[in-house]
PDB file of N, CA and C in Angstrom:
ATOM      1  N   MET A   1       5.436 -19.295 -26.915  1.00  0.00           N
ATOM      2  CA  MET A   1       6.665 -19.195 -26.106  1.00  0.00           C
ATOM      3  C   MET A   1       5.911 -18.147 -25.102  1.00  0.00           C
ATOM      4  N   GLN A   2       5.209 -17.110 -25.936  1.00  0.00           N
ATOM      5  CA  GLN A   2       5.304 -15.599 -25.066  1.00  0.00           C
ATOM      6  C   GLN A   2       4.165 -16.549 -23.560  1.00  0.00           C
ATOM      7  N   GLN A   3       3.502 -16.334 -24.414  1.00  0.00           N
ATOM      8  CA  GLN A   3       2.557 -16.875 -22.989  1.00  0.00           C
ATOM      9  C   GLN A   3       2.899 -17.627 -21.859  1.00  0.00           C
ATOM     10  N   ILE A   4       3.727 -18.916 -21.984  1.00  0.00           N
ATOM     11  CA  ILE A   4       3.816 -19.461 -21.155  1.00  0.00           C
ATOM     12  C   ILE A   4       4.587 -18.939 -20.277  1.00  0.00           C
ATOM     13  N   GLU A   5       5.489 -18.172 -21.015  1.00  0.00           N
ATOM     14  CA  GLU A   5       6.715 -17.089 -19.196  1.00  0.00           C
ATOM     15  C   GLU A   5       5.643 -16.203 -18.737  1.00  0.00           C
ATOM     16  N   LEU A   6       4.127 -15.860 -19.497  1.00  0.00           N
ATOM     17  CA  LEU A   6       3.585 -15.152 -18.916  1.00  0.00           C
ATOM     18  C   LEU A   6       3.336 -15.325 -17.770  1.00  0.00           C
ATOM     19  N   VAL A   7       2.540 -16.369 -17.978  1.00  0.00           N
ATOM     20  CA  VAL A   7       1.476 -17.466 -17.086  1.00  0.00           C
ATOM     21  C   VAL A   7       2.085 -18.293 -16.228  1.00  0.00           C
ATOM     22  N   SER A   8       3.655 -18.218 -16.232  1.00  0.00           N
ATOM     23  CA  SER A   8       4.655 -18.347 -15.438  1.00  0.00           C
ATOM     24  C   SER A   8       4.542 -17.159 -13.878  1.00  0.00           C
ATOM     25  N   LYS A   9       4.886 -16.283 -14.630  1.00  0.00           N
ATOM     26  CA  LYS A   9       4.822 -14.939 -13.640  1.00  0.00           C
ATOM     27  C   LYS A   9       4.124 -14.994 -13.111  1.00  0.00           C
ATOM     28  N   PHE A  10       2.933 -14.958 -13.778  1.00  0.00           N
ATOM     29  CA  PHE A  10       1.221 -14.967 -13.156  1.00  0.00           C
ATOM     30  C   PHE A  10       1.378 -15.504 -12.046  1.00  0.00           C
ATOM     31  N   MET A  11       1.464 -17.140 -12.317  1.00  0.00           N
ATOM     32  CA  MET A  11       1.663 -18.039 -11.251  1.00  0.00           C
ATOM     33  C   MET A  11       2.342 -17.385 -10.095  1.00  0.00           C
ATOM     34  N   LYS A  12       3.838 -17.279 -10.332  1.00  0.00           N
ATOM     35  CA  LYS A  12       5.329 -16.668  -9.367  1.00  0.00           C
ATOM     36  C   LYS A  12       3.916 -15.694  -8.703  1.00  0.00           C
ATOM     37  N   ASN A  13       3.916 -14.542  -8.923  1.00  0.00           N
ATOM     38  CA  ASN A  13       2.468 -13.909  -8.195  1.00  0.00           C
ATOM     39  C   ASN A  13       1.970 -14.518  -7.045  1.00  0.00           C
ATOM     40  N   ILE A  14       1.020 -15.530  -7.436  1.00  0.00           N
ATOM     41  CA  ILE A  14       0.172 -15.694  -6.803  1.00  0.00           C
ATOM     42  C   ILE A  14       1.422 -17.074  -5.723  1.00  0.00           C
ATOM     43  N   VAL A  15       1.296 -17.507  -5.724  1.00  0.00           N
ATOM     44  CA  VAL A  15       2.071 -18.413  -4.884  1.00  0.00           C
ATOM     45  C   VAL A  15       3.193 -17.389  -3.935  1.00  0.00           C
ATOM     46  N   TRP A  16       3.658 -16.680  -4.245  1.00  0.00           N
ATOM     47  CA  TRP A  16       4.303 -15.635  -3.439  1.00  0.00           C
ATOM     48  C   TRP A  16       3.539 -14.819  -2.400  1.00  0.00           C
ATOM     49  N   GLY A  17       2.779 -14.385  -2.811  1.00  0.00           N
ATOM     50  CA  GLY A  17       1.593 -13.835  -2.109  1.00  0.00           C
ATOM     51  C   GLY A  17       0.157 -14.923  -0.980  1.00  0.00           C
ATOM     52  N   LEU A  18       0.429 -15.835  -1.671  1.00  0.00           N
ATOM     53  CA  LEU A  18      -0.348 -17.006  -0.306  1.00  0.00           C
ATOM     54  C   LEU A  18       0.530 -17.652   0.324  1.00  0.00           C
ATOM     55  N   MET A  19       1.443 -17.987  -0.035  1.00  0.00           N
ATOM     56  CA  MET A  19       2.891 -18.137   0.838  1.00  0.00           C
ATOM     57  C   MET A  19       2.967 -16.408   2.143  1.00  0.00           C
ATOM     58  N   THR A  20       3.008 -15.593   2.141  1.00  0.00           N
ATOM     59  CA  THR A  20       2.898 -13.995   3.032  1.00  0.00           C
ATOM     60  C   THR A  20       2.450 -14.626   3.367  1.00  0.00           C
ATOM     61  N   GLU A  21       0.813 -14.605   2.809  1.00  0.00           N
ATOM     62  CA  GLU A  21      -0.130 -14.139   4.370  1.00  0.00           C
ATOM     63  C   GLU A  21      -0.134 -15.648   4.869  1.00  0.00           C
ATOM     64  N   GLY A  22       0.180 -16.770   4.511  1.00  0.00           N
ATOM     65  CA  GLY A  22      -0.249 -17.907   5.238  1.00  0.00           C
ATOM     66  C   GLY A  22       0.523 -18.039   6.166  1.00  0.00           C
ATOM     67  N   ILE A  23       2.114 -18.025   6.067  1.00  0.00           N
ATOM     68  CA  ILE A  23       2.904 -17.847   6.683  1.00  0.00           C
ATOM     69  C   ILE A  23       2.650 -16.177   8.120  1.00  0.00           C
ATOM     70  N   LEU A  24       2.220 -15.161   7.769  1.00  0.00           N
ATOM     71  CA  LEU A  24       1.297 -13.999   8.705  1.00  0.00           C
ATOM     72  C   LEU A  24       0.351 -14.849   9.224  1.00  0.00           C
ATOM     73  N   ALA A  25      -0.401 -15.317   8.599  1.00  0.00           N
ATOM     74  CA  ALA A  25      -1.632 -16.200   9.647  1.00  0.00           C
ATOM     75  C   ALA A  25      -0.767 -16.434  10.394  1.00  0.00           C
ATOM     76  N   ILE A  26       0.028 -17.685  10.405  1.00  0.00           N
ATOM     77  CA  ILE A  26       0.190 -19.078  11.668  1.00  0.00           C
ATOM     78  C   ILE A  26       1.162 -17.930  12.551  1.00  0.00           C
ATOM     79  N   ILE A  27       1.813 -16.799  12.318  1.00  0.00           N
ATOM     80  CA  ILE A  27       2.552 -15.682  13.407  1.00  0.00           C
ATOM     81  C   ILE A  27       1.854 -15.635  14.445  1.00  0.00           C
ATOM     82  N   VAL A  28       0.576 -14.553  13.397  1.00  0.00           N
ATOM     83  CA  VAL A  28      -0.231 -13.933  14.352  1.00  0.00           C
ATOM     84  C   VAL A  28      -1.722 -15.347  15.372  1.00  0.00           C
ATOM     85  N   GLY A  29      -1.576 -15.990  14.756  1.00  0.00           N
ATOM     86  CA  GLY A  29      -2.403 -17.288  15.233  1.00  0.00           C
ATOM     87  C   GLY A  29      -1.829 -18.247  16.526  1.00  0.00           C
ATOM     88  N   ALA A  30       0.035 -17.365  16.369  1.00  0.00           N
ATOM     89  CA  ALA A  30       0.809 -17.807  17.350  1.00  0.00           C
ATOM     90  C   ALA A  30       0.942 -16.640  18.520  1.00  0.00           C
ATOM     91  N   LEU A  31       1.059 -15.756  17.973  1.00  0.00           N
ATOM     92  CA  LEU A  31       0.667 -14.740  19.431  1.00  0.00           C
ATOM     93  C   LEU A  31      -0.365 -14.287  19.446  1.00  0.00           C
ATOM     94  N   ILE A  32      -1.367 -15.112  18.858  1.00  0.00           N
ATOM     95  CA  ILE A  32      -2.516 -14.529  20.091  1.00  0.00           C
ATOM     96  C   ILE A  32      -3.042 -15.635  21.277  1.00  0.00           C
ATOM     97  N   PHE A  33      -2.272 -16.964  20.796  1.00  0.00           N
ATOM     98  CA  PHE A  33      -2.218 -18.267  22.172  1.00  0.00           C
ATOM     99  C   PHE A  33      -1.237 -16.902  23.136  1.00  0.00           C
ATOM    100  N   ILE A  34       0.034 -16.985  22.810  1.00  0.00           N
ATOM    101  CA  ILE A  34       1.085 -16.422  24.146  1.00  0.00           C
ATOM    102  C   ILE A  34       0.754 -14.801  24.048  1.00  0.00           C
ATOM    103  N   TYR A  35      -0.379 -14.111  23.695  1.00  0.00           N
ATOM    104  CA  TYR A  35      -0.863 -12.828  24.723  1.00  0.00           C
ATOM    105  C   TYR A  35      -2.668 -12.130  23.980  1.00  0.00           C
ATOM    106  N   PRO A  36      -3.166 -13.307  24.013  1.00  0.00           N
ATOM    107  CA  PRO A  36      -4.299 -13.239  23.973  1.00  0.00           C
ATOM    108  C   PRO A  36      -5.359 -11.527  24.027  1.00  0.00           C
ATOM    109  N   GLU A  37      -4.842 -10.850  24.978  1.00  0.00           N
ATOM    110  CA  GLU A  37      -4.783  -9.241  25.426  1.00  0.00           C
ATOM    111  C   GLU A  37      -4.685  -8.338  24.239  1.00  0.00           C
ATOM    112  N   LEU A  38      -4.600  -8.926  23.284  1.00  0.00           N
ATOM    113  CA  LEU A  38      -4.018  -8.320  21.959  1.00  0.00           C
ATOM    114  C   LEU A  38      -4.772  -8.917  20.550  1.00  0.00           C
ATOM    115  N   LEU A  39      -5.697  -9.402  20.842  1.00  0.00           N
ATOM    116  CA  LEU A  39      -6.127 -10.484  19.748  1.00  0.00           C
ATOM    117  C   LEU A  39      -6.479  -9.257  19.463  1.00  0.00           C
ATOM    118  N   GLY A  40      -7.391  -8.147  19.401  1.00  0.00           N
ATOM    119  CA  GLY A  40      -7.993  -6.835  18.238  1.00  0.00           C
ATOM    120  C   GLY A  40      -6.851  -6.045  17.359  1.00  0.00           C
ATOM    121  N   MET A  41      -6.142  -6.267  17.620  1.00  0.00           N
ATOM    122  CA  MET A  41      -4.559  -5.677  17.199  1.00  0.00           C
ATOM    123  C   MET A  41      -4.061  -6.328  16.311  1.00  0.00           C
ATOM    124  N   LEU A  42      -3.828  -7.462  16.803  1.00  0.00           N
ATOM    125  CA  LEU A  42      -3.082  -8.669  15.630  1.00  0.00           C
ATOM    126  C   LEU A  42      -4.388  -9.016  15.224  1.00  0.00           C
ATOM    127  N   VAL A  43      -5.361  -9.167  14.629  1.00  0.00           N
ATOM    128  CA  VAL A  43      -6.484  -9.212  13.605  1.00  0.00           C
ATOM    129  C   VAL A  43      -6.611  -8.502  12.658  1.00  0.00           C
ATOM    130  N   GLY A  44      -6.588  -7.157  13.480  1.00  0.00           N
ATOM    131  CA  GLY A  44      -6.769  -6.390  12.699  1.00  0.00           C
ATOM    132  C   GLY A  44      -5.999  -6.061  11.968  1.00  0.00           C
ATOM    133  N   THR A  45      -4.605  -5.869  12.472  1.00  0.00           N
ATOM    134  CA  THR A  45      -3.211  -5.648  11.783  1.00  0.00           C
ATOM    135  C   THR A  45      -2.903  -6.696  10.883  1.00  0.00           C
ATOM    136  N   LEU A  46      -3.549  -7.960  10.413  1.00  0.00           N
ATOM    137  CA  LEU A  46      -3.464  -8.761   9.537  1.00  0.00           C
ATOM    138  C   LEU A  46      -4.838  -8.820   8.563  1.00  0.00           C
ATOM    139  N   VAL A  47      -5.814  -8.253   8.825  1.00  0.00           N
ATOM    140  CA  VAL A  47      -6.765  -8.090   7.741  1.00  0.00           C
ATOM    141  C   VAL A  47      -6.348  -7.416   7.328  1.00  0.00           C
ATOM    142  N   VAL A  48      -5.623  -5.768   7.155  1.00  0.00           N
ATOM    143  CA  VAL A  48      -5.403  -4.884   6.773  1.00  0.00           C
ATOM    144  C   VAL A  48      -4.051  -5.309   5.983  1.00  0.00           C
ATOM    145  N   ILE A  49      -2.830  -5.858   6.437  1.00  0.00           N
ATOM    146  CA  ILE A  49      -1.730  -6.478   5.033  1.00  0.00           C
ATOM    147  C   ILE A  49      -2.614  -7.352   3.922  1.00  0.00           C
ATOM    148  N   ALA A  50      -3.652  -8.709   4.709  1.00  0.00           N
ATOM    149  CA  ALA A  50      -3.690  -9.239   3.418  1.00  0.00           C
ATOM    150  C   ALA A  50      -4.954  -8.591   2.813  1.00  0.00           C
ATOM    151  N   GLY A  51      -5.186  -7.448   2.850  1.00  0.00           N
ATOM    152  CA  GLY A  51      -6.217  -6.481   2.243  1.00  0.00           C
ATOM    153  C   GLY A  51      -4.929  -5.825   1.217  1.00  0.00           C
ATOM    154  N   ILE A  52      -4.385  -5.283   1.866  1.00  0.00           N
ATOM    155  CA  ILE A  52      -3.171  -4.909   0.583  1.00  0.00           C
ATOM    156  C   ILE A  52      -2.089  -5.544  -0.153  1.00  0.00           C
ATOM    157  N   MET A  53      -1.988  -6.945   0.113  1.00  0.00           N
ATOM    158  CA  MET A  53      -1.222  -8.031  -0.527  1.00  0.00           C
ATOM    159  C   MET A  53      -2.640  -8.554  -1.947  1.00  0.00           C
ATOM    160  N   SER A  54      -4.036  -8.469  -1.602  1.00  0.00           N
ATOM    161  CA  SER A  54      -4.555  -8.884  -2.074  1.00  0.00           C
ATOM    162  C   SER A  54      -5.019  -7.756  -3.698  1.00  0.00           C
ATOM    163  N   LEU A  55      -4.741  -6.420  -3.284  1.00  0.00           N
ATOM    164  CA  LEU A  55      -4.930  -5.471  -4.144  1.00  0.00           C
ATOM    165  C   LEU A  55      -3.303  -5.324  -5.184  1.00  0.00           C
ATOM    166  N   LEU A  56      -2.227  -5.606  -4.374  1.00  0.00           N
ATOM    167  CA  LEU A  56      -1.162  -6.417  -4.797  1.00  0.00           C
ATOM    168  C   LEU A  56      -1.570  -7.161  -6.072  1.00  0.00           C
ATOM    169  N   LEU A  57      -1.728  -7.934  -5.727  1.00  0.00           N
ATOM    170  CA  LEU A  57      -1.695  -9.677  -6.821  1.00  0.00           C
ATOM    171  C   LEU A  57      -3.272  -8.622  -7.905  1.00  0.00           C
ATOM    172  N   ALA A  58      -3.870  -8.283  -7.477  1.00  0.00           N
ATOM    173  CA  ALA A  58      -4.884  -8.061  -8.146  1.00  0.00           C
ATOM    174  C   ALA A  58      -4.369  -7.706  -9.284  1.00  0.00           C
ATOM    175  N   LEU A  59      -2.958  -6.642  -8.986  1.00  0.00           N
ATOM    176  CA  LEU A  59      -3.095  -5.713 -10.004  1.00  0.00           C
ATOM    177  C   LEU A  59      -1.640  -5.930 -10.985  1.00  0.00           C
ATOM    178  N   LYS A  60      -0.978  -6.709 -10.025  1.00  0.00           N
ATOM    179  CA  LYS A  60       0.145  -7.936 -11.022  1.00  0.00           C
ATOM    180  C   LYS A  60      -1.157  -8.646 -11.834  1.00  0.00           C
ATOM    181  N   ILE A  61      -2.031  -9.466 -11.223  1.00  0.00           N
ATOM    182  CA  ILE A  61      -2.674 -10.130 -12.259  1.00  0.00           C
ATOM    183  C   ILE A  61      -3.432  -9.463 -13.483  1.00  0.00           C
ATOM    184  N   ASP A  62      -3.816  -8.551 -13.013  1.00  0.00           N
ATOM    185  CA  ASP A  62      -4.318  -7.265 -14.765  1.00  0.00           C
ATOM    186  C   ASP A  62      -2.927  -6.678 -15.270  1.00  0.00           C
ATOM    187  N   LYS A  63      -2.050  -6.619 -14.979  1.00  0.00           N
ATOM    188  CA  LYS A  63      -0.727  -6.471 -16.020  1.00  0.00           C
ATOM    189  C   LYS A  63      -0.283  -7.450 -16.140  1.00  0.00           C
ATOM    190  N   TYR A  64      -0.416  -8.999 -15.908  1.00  0.00           N
ATOM    191  CA  TYR A  64       0.187 -10.085 -17.114  1.00  0.00           C
ATOM    192  C   TYR A  64      -1.036 -10.712 -17.835  1.00  0.00           C
ATOM    193  N   SER A  65      -2.406 -10.361 -17.646  1.00  0.00           N
ATOM    194  CA  SER A  65      -3.115 -10.868 -17.839  1.00  0.00           C
ATOM    195  C   SER A  65      -3.774 -10.691 -19.349  1.00  0.00           C
ATOM    196  N   LYS A  66      -3.386  -9.276 -19.477  1.00  0.00           N
ATOM    197  CA  LYS A  66      -3.329  -8.630 -21.116  1.00  0.00           C
ATOM    198  C   LYS A  66      -2.627  -9.799 -22.129  1.00  0.00           C
ATOM    199  N   VAL A  67      -2.535  -9.901 -23.521  1.00  0.00           N
ATOM    200  CA  VAL A  67      -2.684 -11.234 -24.265  1.00  0.00           C
ATOM    201  C   VAL A  67      -2.692 -10.450 -25.137  1.00  0.00           C
ATOM    202  N   LYS A  68      -2.585  -9.881 -25.532  1.00  0.00           N
ATOM    203  CA  LYS A  68      -3.237 -10.130 -27.533  1.00  0.00           C
ATOM    204  C   LYS A  68      -2.772 -10.310 -28.350  1.00  0.00           C
ATOM    205  N   ILE A  69      -3.065 -10.869 -29.071  1.00  0.00           N
ATOM    206  CA  ILE A  69      -2.698 -11.898 -30.417  1.00  0.00           C
ATOM    207  C   ILE A  69      -3.345 -11.213 -31.242  1.00  0.00           C
ATOM    208  N   ASP A  70      -2.109 -11.347 -32.254  1.00  0.00           N
ATOM    209  CA  ASP A  70      -2.923 -10.764 -33.712  1.00  0.00           C
ATOM    210  C   ASP A  70      -2.549 -11.669 -35.053  1.00  0.00           C
ATOM    211  N   LEU A  71      -3.671 -11.344 -35.277  1.00  0.00           N
ATOM    212  CA  LEU A  71      -3.764 -12.914 -36.169  1.00  0.00           C
ATOM    213  C   LEU A  71      -3.413 -12.591 -37.812  1.00  0.00           C
TER     214      LEU A  71
END
């Protein structure tokens, strides 16, 4: 039963991270159409945020993937 709970937390963190990155990408894309002169700054900001979120997701995956089974 414990393994199912760990997989559930793992999947929730991945879904949360991907949805957040997707929403940010849509917002930045819309802002680029409205303000094309800010292209570099908006894309740079999105890349930094995506990098930070990827690192946080990697840490959470590492935390939840440690399952020890005693036989």
